[in-house]
Amino acid sequence: MTIFLKILFWLSVYGLLHSYLFYPLFLKLISHNKKGNDQLYHESEDWPQVSVLMAMYNEEKVIQEKMDCFLALDYPKGKLHFYIGSDCSSDGSNEIVQAFAEQHSNIHFFPFTNRQGKPGVINSIARKAFQVHPQSADHILLITDANVMLSPSILKVLIKHYKNAEIALVDANMVSTGMKSEGISKSENTYISSEVMIKYREGKAWGTMIGPFGGCYTIRSNYFQEVPPTYLVDDFYITMRMFEQGGKAINDLEAICYEAISHDMSEEYRRKARISAGNYQNLNTFKHLLWPPHKKLAFAFLSHKVLRWMGPFFITFAFISCGILAFGENYLYRILFYIQLIVLFLIPLLDAMLKRVNVNILPFRSINYFINMNMALLEGFFNYLKGIKNNVWEPPKRN
């Protein structure tokens, strides 16, 4: 029994360390001398057709700025069309987009009257786009969210890579805006920045970037497959279907877009719990891509995503096994158990108390953030087990 508990404890610790520490370090090492994609479109060449797909729901606060971003994109005239679907918005979003559509012939607006969730809207407007330009290797989709603002050069930076026939998906570099000393924005930004580098290095090393930032990415239209009803994380589903077809995925750090970061722990918890349920949907759908484990795609999928999704279970197993071992004569496990008590309970409590008097200690806030996000993962797992009835969403509160 003691041996089993020790194995369980150290395997759980390793599972956490592998995903958050060892795998990023390994990627940094092996991608260092790798050459990125050098088969690129140049200014004088004939660039591919691009269809921009965007689902929105009650985005009145940001949609004017987003539409201005669309019109400012630097791309050859006649090669760019916008397909915007409103998921039964009840604020002033529809009127704003309709006004743009009336002034610009390449903006196509579809105000749906029944809620169907972001994946359903993307499926619907993709069909509209394919009626104008059929799915092909030379027709690229840019899928973006209403609250993600695009730099004028982003489209050319993303699309230039599609001269390489092996590349099927190119992701952007999401830059967070609106950081504050209070709240979780700095912790969230640290997480997002580390994710950007992991994705970039996965693409550079093997062409296996595991899941784009859903707010802005591109994919060859002939690799696009519709997301099933009730699936919550559409970008990951679309990416894994692309991998099944043999395509490669990369990230370009020069393809800059901006998103206002979350400050509120409860708001981010709600969002991540929802995403977590979708993660387990995708894990069940694409578990066959984890075998054989020595393949690059399987190794990246396991290391970057699956072990991270198992984080709350690793934390629970490590705490329970170490707690039992701590009652023995082994002082090492007693010390490790005390450390876990401090990290899992005392520091979050102190952070909550300090927050009430407007004192923000970043290490405390980051530990509290990490624990809350793993709790969100756990809640998402149980929501997945209960069954997901629909995929409609509410825009998260942003600064």
Protein backbone atom coordinates (compact mmCIF):
# COMPACT_ATOMS: atom_id res chain seq x y z
CA MET A 1 0.00 0.00 0.00
CA THR A 2 2.81 2.44 0.87
CA ILE A 3 4.58 1.75 -2.42
CA PHE A 4 1.35 2.31 -4.35
CA LEU A 5 0.78 5.66 -2.58
CA LYS A 6 4.34 6.78 -3.32
CA ILE A 7 3.96 5.86 -7.00
CA LEU A 8 0.62 7.66 -7.17
CA PHE A 9 2.07 10.78 -5.54
CA TRP A 10 5.15 11.07 -7.74
CA LEU A 11 3.28 10.25 -10.95
CA SER A 12 0.78 12.99 -10.10
CA VAL A 13 3.56 15.46 -9.39
CA TYR A 14 5.30 14.51 -12.61
CA GLY A 15 2.08 14.89 -14.61
CA LEU A 16 1.77 18.50 -13.45
CA LEU A 17 5.45 19.31 -13.89
CA HIS A 18 5.61 17.72 -17.33
CA SER A 19 2.81 19.84 -18.78
CA TYR A 20 3.68 23.14 -17.10
CA LEU A 21 7.49 22.96 -16.88
CA PHE A 22 9.29 20.06 -18.59
CA TYR A 23 7.38 20.13 -21.89
CA PRO A 24 7.78 23.92 -22.45
CA LEU A 25 11.51 23.63 -21.67
CA PHE A 26 11.85 20.66 -24.03
CA LEU A 27 10.07 22.58 -26.79
CA LYS A 28 12.33 25.58 -26.28
CA LEU A 29 15.38 23.36 -26.63
CA ILE A 30 14.36 21.40 -29.73
CA SER A 31 12.83 24.34 -31.62
CA HIS A 32 15.81 26.64 -31.07
CA ASN A 33 17.68 25.71 -34.26
CA LYS A 34 14.62 24.80 -36.32
CA LYS A 35 13.93 26.93 -39.36
CA GLY A 36 10.38 28.22 -39.69
CA ASN A 37 8.34 28.09 -42.87
CA ASP A 38 10.14 29.89 -45.69
CA GLN A 39 7.70 29.17 -48.53
CA LEU A 40 5.87 32.49 -48.48
CA TYR A 41 3.70 34.62 -50.75
CA HIS A 42 5.33 37.88 -51.83
CA GLU A 43 3.69 41.18 -52.71
CA SER A 44 3.82 40.69 -56.48
CA GLU A 45 2.16 37.27 -56.42
CA ASP A 46 -1.48 36.26 -56.76
CA TRP A 47 -2.75 35.90 -53.18
CA PRO A 48 -5.46 33.43 -52.16
CA GLN A 49 -9.12 34.27 -51.71
CA VAL A 50 -10.01 34.97 -48.06
CA SER A 51 -13.39 34.71 -46.36
CA VAL A 52 -13.63 36.17 -42.86
CA LEU A 53 -16.12 34.39 -40.58
CA MET A 54 -17.34 36.05 -37.38
CA ALA A 55 -20.12 35.05 -34.99
CA MET A 56 -21.40 37.66 -32.56
CA TYR A 57 -23.91 37.94 -29.76
CA ASN A 58 -24.66 41.30 -28.10
CA GLU A 59 -21.32 42.91 -28.94
CA GLU A 60 -22.57 46.50 -29.17
CA LYS A 61 -19.65 47.82 -27.10
CA VAL A 62 -16.96 46.54 -29.46
CA ILE A 63 -18.53 45.87 -32.85
CA GLN A 64 -17.96 49.36 -34.31
CA GLU A 65 -14.23 49.11 -33.59
CA LYS A 66 -14.14 45.56 -34.97
CA MET A 67 -15.78 46.58 -38.24
CA ASP A 68 -13.29 49.44 -38.57
CA CYS A 69 -10.51 46.87 -38.12
CA PHE A 70 -11.98 44.80 -40.94
CA LEU A 71 -11.98 47.75 -43.32
CA ALA A 72 -8.39 48.65 -42.39
CA LEU A 73 -6.99 45.21 -43.29
CA ASP A 74 -4.22 45.32 -45.88
CA TYR A 75 -5.14 42.73 -48.52
CA PRO A 76 -5.64 42.75 -52.32
CA LYS A 77 -8.98 44.18 -53.41
CA GLY A 78 -11.51 41.66 -54.62
CA LYS A 79 -9.84 38.88 -52.61
CA LEU A 80 -11.51 39.57 -49.28
CA HIS A 81 -15.11 38.98 -48.16
CA PHE A 82 -16.66 39.19 -44.69
CA TYR A 83 -19.42 36.88 -43.44
CA ILE A 84 -20.91 37.99 -40.13
CA GLY A 85 -23.58 36.06 -38.28
CA SER A 86 -25.53 37.45 -35.34
CA ASP A 87 -26.75 34.80 -32.91
CA CYS A 88 -30.06 36.53 -32.21
CA SER A 89 -28.43 39.65 -30.72
CA SER A 90 -30.84 41.78 -28.72
CA ASP A 91 -28.76 44.97 -28.31
CA GLY A 92 -27.69 47.41 -31.03
CA SER A 93 -25.11 45.11 -32.66
CA ASN A 94 -27.25 44.19 -35.66
CA GLU A 95 -27.96 47.79 -36.63
CA ILE A 96 -24.26 48.69 -36.55
CA VAL A 97 -23.21 45.77 -38.74
CA GLN A 98 -26.16 46.24 -41.10
CA ALA A 99 -25.06 49.82 -41.73
CA PHE A 100 -21.59 48.61 -42.72
CA ALA A 101 -23.06 45.89 -44.96
CA GLU A 102 -25.16 48.47 -46.81
CA GLN A 103 -22.07 50.54 -47.56
CA HIS A 104 -19.64 47.74 -48.52
CA SER A 105 -20.52 45.01 -51.01
CA ASN A 106 -17.99 42.55 -49.58
CA ILE A 107 -19.64 42.56 -46.12
CA HIS A 108 -22.38 39.93 -45.88
CA PHE A 109 -24.55 40.05 -42.76
CA PHE A 110 -26.85 37.31 -41.49
CA PRO A 111 -28.97 38.22 -38.43
CA PHE A 112 -30.19 34.80 -37.28
CA THR A 113 -33.42 34.79 -35.29
CA ASN A 114 -32.82 31.58 -33.31
CA ARG A 115 -29.88 31.09 -30.96
CA GLN A 116 -27.52 28.35 -32.09
CA GLY A 117 -24.22 29.13 -30.32
CA LYS A 118 -20.96 30.26 -31.89
CA PRO A 119 -20.18 26.89 -33.57
CA GLY A 120 -23.64 26.82 -35.14
CA VAL A 121 -23.26 30.37 -36.45
CA ILE A 122 -19.79 29.60 -37.85
CA ASN A 123 -21.17 26.50 -39.58
CA SER A 124 -24.01 28.53 -41.11
CA ILE A 125 -21.94 31.43 -42.41
CA ALA A 126 -19.25 29.05 -43.68
CA ARG A 127 -21.90 27.46 -45.92
CA LYS A 128 -22.78 30.96 -47.17
CA ALA A 129 -19.12 31.63 -47.95
CA PHE A 130 -18.74 28.33 -49.82
CA GLN A 131 -21.68 29.20 -52.04
CA VAL A 132 -19.65 32.15 -53.33
CA HIS A 133 -16.19 30.53 -53.25
CA PRO A 134 -16.20 26.71 -52.93
CA GLN A 135 -13.91 24.92 -50.50
CA SER A 136 -10.43 24.61 -52.01
CA ALA A 137 -6.75 24.85 -51.12
CA ASP A 138 -6.70 28.43 -52.47
CA HIS A 139 -9.64 29.63 -50.40
CA ILE A 140 -8.63 30.55 -46.84
CA LEU A 141 -10.93 31.18 -43.88
CA LEU A 142 -10.12 33.72 -41.17
CA ILE A 143 -12.22 32.90 -38.10
CA THR A 144 -12.34 35.66 -35.50
CA ASP A 145 -14.27 36.94 -32.47
CA ALA A 146 -15.95 40.33 -32.22
CA ASN A 147 -13.90 41.48 -29.22
CA VAL A 148 -10.51 40.66 -30.80
CA MET A 149 -9.02 43.67 -32.59
CA LEU A 150 -6.84 43.10 -35.64
CA SER A 151 -3.72 44.94 -36.72
CA PRO A 152 -3.89 46.09 -40.38
CA SER A 153 -1.02 43.80 -41.41
CA ILE A 154 -2.28 40.65 -39.69
CA LEU A 155 -4.02 39.10 -42.68
CA LYS A 156 -1.03 39.17 -45.00
CA VAL A 157 1.22 37.87 -42.22
CA LEU A 158 -1.09 34.89 -41.72
CA ILE A 159 -1.93 34.19 -45.36
CA LYS A 160 1.65 34.38 -46.67
CA HIS A 161 2.36 30.93 -45.18
CA TYR A 162 -0.22 29.18 -47.37
CA LYS A 163 2.17 29.05 -50.30
CA ASN A 164 3.50 25.99 -48.45
CA ALA A 165 1.03 23.25 -49.43
CA GLU A 166 1.67 21.33 -46.18
CA ILE A 167 0.37 24.14 -43.98
CA ALA A 168 -3.35 23.99 -43.32
CA LEU A 169 -3.76 26.31 -40.31
CA VAL A 170 -1.97 29.46 -39.15
CA ASP A 171 -2.65 31.04 -35.76
CA ALA A 172 -2.19 34.65 -34.65
CA ASN A 173 -0.35 36.12 -31.68
CA MET A 174 -2.90 37.28 -29.13
CA VAL A 175 -1.65 40.32 -27.18
CA SER A 176 -3.54 41.19 -24.00
CA THR A 177 -4.51 44.78 -23.23
CA GLY A 178 -5.80 46.57 -20.15
CA MET A 179 -3.65 45.00 -17.43
CA LYS A 180 -4.22 46.21 -13.85
CA SER A 181 -2.40 45.56 -10.59
CA GLU A 182 -5.62 44.37 -8.97
CA GLY A 183 -7.60 41.39 -10.20
CA ILE A 184 -6.19 38.45 -12.16
CA SER A 185 -5.14 40.23 -15.34
CA LYS A 186 -1.39 39.87 -14.77
CA SER A 187 -1.72 36.18 -13.90
CA GLU A 188 -3.95 35.62 -16.92
CA ASN A 189 -1.49 37.50 -19.15
CA THR A 190 1.39 35.32 -17.90
CA TYR A 191 -0.61 32.22 -18.78
CA ILE A 192 -1.58 33.53 -22.23
CA SER A 193 2.00 34.61 -23.03
CA SER A 194 3.37 31.19 -22.08
CA GLU A 195 0.67 29.53 -24.21
CA VAL A 196 1.65 31.68 -27.19
CA MET A 197 5.26 30.51 -26.96
CA ILE A 198 4.29 26.85 -26.53
CA LYS A 199 2.06 27.02 -29.61
CA TYR A 200 4.72 28.86 -31.62
CA ARG A 201 7.39 26.32 -30.73
CA GLU A 202 5.12 23.34 -31.40
CA GLY A 203 4.49 24.70 -34.88
CA LYS A 204 8.12 25.52 -35.47
CA ALA A 205 9.37 22.13 -34.27
CA TRP A 206 6.80 19.77 -35.78
CA GLY A 207 3.92 21.67 -37.40
CA THR A 208 1.68 20.36 -34.60
CA MET A 209 0.45 23.50 -32.86
CA ILE A 210 -2.24 22.04 -30.59
CA GLY A 211 -5.23 24.33 -30.91
CA PRO A 212 -5.23 28.00 -31.95
CA PHE A 213 -6.48 30.95 -29.97
CA GLY A 214 -10.06 30.88 -31.16
CA GLY A 215 -10.29 34.67 -31.36
CA CYS A 216 -8.25 34.86 -34.59
CA TYR A 217 -6.85 32.10 -36.77
CA THR A 218 -6.88 30.98 -40.41
CA ILE A 219 -7.46 27.60 -42.04
CA ARG A 220 -7.59 26.33 -45.62
CA SER A 221 -11.25 25.96 -46.45
CA ASN A 222 -10.80 22.42 -47.83
CA TYR A 223 -9.68 21.33 -44.33
CA PHE A 224 -12.63 22.97 -42.59
CA GLN A 225 -15.25 20.63 -41.12
CA GLU A 226 -18.43 21.72 -39.40
CA VAL A 227 -18.59 21.49 -35.62
CA PRO A 228 -21.30 19.16 -34.25
CA PRO A 229 -24.25 20.63 -32.31
CA THR A 230 -23.62 21.12 -28.55
CA TYR A 231 -19.80 21.16 -28.95
CA LEU A 232 -18.38 24.07 -26.96
CA VAL A 233 -14.78 24.52 -28.17
CA ASP A 234 -15.09 24.89 -31.92
CA ASP A 235 -11.52 26.03 -32.71
CA PHE A 236 -9.97 22.94 -31.11
CA TYR A 237 -12.42 20.62 -32.88
CA ILE A 238 -11.70 22.24 -36.26
CA THR A 239 -7.95 21.97 -35.65
CA MET A 240 -8.00 18.29 -34.70
CA ARG A 241 -10.12 17.43 -37.74
CA MET A 242 -7.48 19.21 -39.79
CA PHE A 243 -4.75 17.07 -38.20
CA GLU A 244 -6.73 13.93 -39.06
CA GLN A 245 -6.45 14.97 -42.72
CA GLY A 246 -2.67 15.35 -42.48
CA GLY A 247 -2.35 19.14 -42.40
CA LYS A 248 0.18 21.12 -40.39
CA ALA A 249 -0.50 24.00 -38.01
CA ILE A 250 1.82 26.86 -37.06
CA ASN A 251 1.76 30.17 -35.19
CA ASP A 252 3.25 33.43 -36.47
CA LEU A 253 4.32 35.81 -33.69
CA GLU A 254 4.20 38.76 -36.09
CA ALA A 255 0.47 38.27 -36.73
CA ILE A 256 -0.67 40.61 -33.96
CA CYS A 257 -4.18 40.93 -32.61
CA TYR A 258 -5.44 42.41 -29.35
CA GLU A 259 -7.92 41.32 -26.71
CA ALA A 260 -8.91 43.11 -23.50
CA ILE A 261 -7.96 40.82 -20.66
CA SER A 262 -10.21 39.63 -17.87
CA HIS A 263 -9.78 41.08 -14.36
CA ASP A 264 -12.51 39.23 -12.53
CA MET A 265 -11.76 35.77 -11.10
CA SER A 266 -15.39 34.66 -11.08
CA GLU A 267 -15.92 35.72 -14.70
CA GLU A 268 -12.81 33.88 -15.84
CA TYR A 269 -13.78 30.85 -13.75
CA ARG A 270 -17.14 30.69 -15.53
CA ARG A 271 -15.50 30.94 -18.93
CA LYS A 272 -12.86 28.31 -18.19
CA ALA A 273 -15.39 25.90 -16.69
CA ARG A 274 -17.35 26.13 -19.93
CA ILE A 275 -14.22 25.63 -22.03
CA SER A 276 -13.22 22.72 -19.80
CA ALA A 277 -16.45 20.86 -20.53
CA GLY A 278 -15.71 21.36 -24.23
CA ASN A 279 -12.16 20.09 -23.74
CA TYR A 280 -13.46 16.77 -22.43
CA GLN A 281 -15.85 16.56 -25.38
CA ASN A 282 -12.88 16.92 -27.71
CA LEU A 283 -10.75 14.49 -25.70
CA ASN A 284 -13.40 11.82 -26.12
CA THR A 285 -13.71 12.57 -29.85
CA PHE A 286 -9.98 12.68 -30.62
CA LYS A 287 -8.54 10.19 -28.12
CA HIS A 288 -7.41 8.04 -31.05
CA LEU A 289 -4.86 10.75 -31.93
CA LEU A 290 -3.02 9.95 -28.67
CA TRP A 291 -1.85 6.65 -30.20
CA PRO A 292 0.86 5.71 -30.94
CA PRO A 293 2.29 7.98 -28.22
CA HIS A 294 5.73 8.31 -29.83
CA LYS A 295 4.31 10.24 -32.78
CA LYS A 296 4.84 14.00 -32.65
CA LEU A 297 1.15 14.87 -32.78
CA ALA A 298 0.28 12.41 -30.00
CA PHE A 299 3.16 13.58 -27.81
CA ALA A 300 2.22 17.25 -28.25
CA PHE A 301 -1.50 16.54 -27.66
CA LEU A 302 -0.76 14.58 -24.48
CA SER A 303 1.88 16.94 -23.11
CA HIS A 304 0.26 20.27 -23.90
CA LYS A 305 -3.43 19.52 -23.43
CA VAL A 306 -4.43 16.18 -21.95
CA LEU A 307 -2.09 16.25 -18.95
CA ARG A 308 -3.17 19.83 -18.26
CA TRP A 309 -6.82 18.83 -18.39
CA MET A 310 -5.97 16.11 -15.87
CA GLY A 311 -4.43 18.73 -13.54
CA PRO A 312 -7.22 18.77 -10.93
CA PHE A 313 -7.02 15.00 -10.63
CA PHE A 314 -3.24 15.11 -10.26
CA ILE A 315 -3.58 17.75 -7.52
CA THR A 316 -6.22 15.68 -5.72
CA PHE A 317 -4.27 12.41 -5.99
CA ALA A 318 -1.04 14.07 -4.84
CA PHE A 319 -2.75 15.68 -1.84
CA ILE A 320 -4.55 12.54 -0.67
CA SER A 321 -1.63 10.14 -1.17
CA CYS A 322 0.84 12.51 0.46
CA GLY A 323 -1.58 13.12 3.34
CA ILE A 324 -1.79 9.39 4.08
CA LEU A 325 1.98 8.97 3.80
CA ALA A 326 2.48 11.97 6.12
CA PHE A 327 0.95 10.03 9.01
CA GLY A 328 3.82 7.51 8.78
CA GLU A 329 7.37 8.00 9.94
CA ASN A 330 8.57 9.48 6.66
CA TYR A 331 9.33 13.13 7.35
CA LEU A 332 9.76 13.93 3.64
CA TYR A 333 6.06 13.33 2.92
CA ARG A 334 5.08 15.18 6.09
CA ILE A 335 6.98 18.24 4.89
CA LEU A 336 5.52 17.89 1.38
CA PHE A 337 2.04 17.62 2.84
CA TYR A 338 2.52 20.80 4.87
CA ILE A 339 3.72 22.57 1.72
CA GLN A 340 0.56 21.46 -0.09
CA LEU A 341 -1.60 22.73 2.76
CA ILE A 342 0.08 26.12 2.52
CA VAL A 343 -0.19 26.33 -1.28
CA LEU A 344 -3.70 24.92 -1.68
CA PHE A 345 -5.42 26.54 1.30
CA LEU A 346 -3.40 29.12 3.24
CA ILE A 347 -2.15 31.23 0.31
CA PRO A 348 -5.59 31.47 -1.41
CA LEU A 349 -7.10 32.47 1.93
CA LEU A 350 -4.44 35.15 2.46
CA ASP A 351 -4.89 36.41 -1.09
CA ALA A 352 -8.66 36.74 -0.57
CA MET A 353 -8.13 38.62 2.70
CA LEU A 354 -5.51 40.95 1.20
CA LYS A 355 -7.71 41.62 -1.82
CA ARG A 356 -10.38 43.06 0.49
CA VAL A 357 -7.95 45.75 1.65
CA ASN A 358 -6.67 46.38 -1.92
CA VAL A 359 -3.32 44.66 -1.36
CA ASN A 360 -2.20 42.65 -4.39
CA ILE A 361 0.77 40.31 -4.07
CA LEU A 362 1.39 38.83 -7.52
CA PRO A 363 2.81 35.42 -6.41
CA PHE A 364 -0.19 34.91 -4.09
CA ARG A 365 -2.61 35.99 -6.82
CA SER A 366 -0.95 33.68 -9.36
CA ILE A 367 -1.19 30.68 -7.03
CA ASN A 368 -4.83 31.48 -6.32
CA TYR A 369 -5.44 31.86 -10.06
CA PHE A 370 -3.83 28.47 -10.78
CA ILE A 371 -5.94 26.71 -8.14
CA ASN A 372 -9.17 28.37 -9.29
CA MET A 373 -8.52 27.46 -12.90
CA ASN A 374 -7.98 23.83 -11.94
CA MET A 375 -11.22 23.93 -9.96
CA ALA A 376 -12.88 25.24 -13.13
CA LEU A 377 -11.41 22.30 -15.03
CA LEU A 378 -12.91 19.93 -12.47
CA GLU A 379 -16.32 21.58 -12.66
CA GLY A 380 -16.17 21.37 -16.44
CA PHE A 381 -15.43 17.65 -16.20
CA PHE A 382 -18.55 17.03 -14.13
CA ASN A 383 -20.62 19.22 -16.45
CA TYR A 384 -19.38 17.08 -19.33
CA LEU A 385 -20.38 13.89 -17.48
CA LYS A 386 -23.87 15.30 -16.88
CA GLY A 387 -24.24 15.96 -20.59
CA ILE A 388 -24.08 19.22 -22.55
CA LYS A 389 -27.46 20.25 -23.89
CA ASN A 390 -26.54 23.39 -25.88
CA ASN A 391 -23.61 25.61 -26.80
CA VAL A 392 -25.08 29.12 -26.58
CA TRP A 393 -22.84 31.61 -24.84
CA GLU A 394 -22.71 35.00 -23.16
CA PRO A 395 -19.79 37.36 -23.96
CA PRO A 396 -17.41 37.56 -20.98
CA LYS A 397 -17.01 40.92 -19.32
CA ARG A 398 -13.90 42.69 -20.59
CA ASN A 399 -12.17 45.91 -19.66
